[in-house]
Protein backbone atom coordinates (compact mmCIF):
# COMPACT_ATOMS: atom_id res chain seq x y z
CA UNK A 1 12.74 -98.52 48.45
CA UNK A 2 10.29 -100.15 50.80
CA UNK A 3 6.93 -98.59 51.61
CA UNK A 4 7.88 -98.28 55.30
CA UNK A 5 11.04 -96.37 54.37
CA UNK A 6 9.07 -94.04 52.12
CA UNK A 7 6.61 -93.31 54.91
CA UNK A 8 9.46 -92.58 57.33
CA UNK A 9 11.06 -90.31 54.78
CA UNK A 10 7.84 -88.39 54.24
CA UNK A 11 7.36 -88.02 58.00
CA UNK A 12 10.90 -86.66 58.38
CA UNK A 13 10.39 -84.21 55.54
CA UNK A 14 7.15 -82.90 57.06
CA UNK A 15 8.63 -81.85 60.41
CA UNK A 16 8.20 -78.08 60.46
CA UNK A 17 11.33 -76.05 61.03
CA UNK A 18 9.52 -74.04 63.70
CA UNK A 19 8.95 -77.21 65.71
CA UNK A 20 12.61 -78.12 65.47
CA UNK A 21 13.62 -74.61 66.47
CA UNK A 22 11.22 -74.40 69.41
CA UNK A 23 12.72 -77.58 70.85
CA UNK A 24 16.10 -75.88 71.14
CA UNK A 25 17.15 -73.49 73.87
CA UNK A 26 17.09 -69.85 72.71
CA UNK A 27 20.84 -69.34 73.02
CA UNK A 28 21.69 -72.41 70.97
CA UNK A 29 18.70 -72.22 68.67
CA UNK A 30 20.53 -71.67 65.39
CA UNK A 31 23.24 -74.25 66.04
CA UNK A 32 20.74 -76.84 67.18
CA UNK A 33 18.42 -76.15 64.27
CA UNK A 34 21.34 -76.50 61.86
CA UNK A 35 22.34 -79.83 63.43
CA UNK A 36 18.74 -81.05 63.19
CA UNK A 37 18.51 -80.06 59.55
CA UNK A 38 21.87 -81.65 58.72
CA UNK A 39 20.86 -84.87 60.49
CA UNK A 40 17.52 -84.80 58.66
CA UNK A 41 19.36 -84.46 55.34
CA UNK A 42 21.68 -87.36 56.24
CA UNK A 43 18.72 -89.55 57.19
CA UNK A 44 16.97 -88.60 53.95
CA UNK A 45 20.07 -89.55 51.93
CA UNK A 46 20.46 -92.90 53.73
CA UNK A 47 16.82 -93.83 53.17
CA UNK A 48 16.86 -92.64 49.57
CA UNK A 49 20.01 -94.63 48.75
CA UNK A 50 19.50 -97.69 50.96
CA UNK A 51 18.68 -99.96 48.04
CA UNK A 52 21.77 -98.97 46.03
CA UNK A 53 24.02 -99.35 49.08
CA UNK A 54 22.63 -102.82 49.78
CA UNK A 55 23.20 -103.85 46.16
CA UNK A 56 26.78 -102.55 46.24
CA UNK A 57 27.47 -104.40 49.50
CA UNK A 58 26.11 -107.63 48.01
CA UNK A 59 28.30 -107.19 44.94
CA UNK A 60 31.43 -106.64 47.03
CA UNK A 61 30.57 -109.65 49.20
CA UNK A 62 30.11 -111.79 46.11
CA UNK A 63 33.02 -110.59 43.94
CA UNK A 64 35.37 -108.87 46.38
CA UNK A 65 36.72 -105.34 46.19
CA UNK A 66 37.38 -103.97 42.72
CA UNK A 67 41.10 -103.77 41.90
CA UNK A 68 41.95 -105.65 45.12
CA UNK A 69 44.87 -107.35 43.36
CA UNK A 70 46.57 -103.97 42.95
CA UNK A 71 46.39 -102.98 46.61
CA UNK A 72 49.74 -102.55 48.33
CA UNK A 73 48.42 -103.02 51.90
């Protein structure tokens, strides 16, 4: 993982929940906060696994899909 990605990840993780909640309208506060937290978790996962995903994509580009000869479509 690159240093820039780590810094971004740490910045995302340090956003206080109260700040996220205060940005939402009172009526939709819980739904909006949940969406923000889910998106934050998705971003965290993508950053955390970016290196492995890139390696897998390179492997598929180089060798093709595993078991491709058995595909019926």
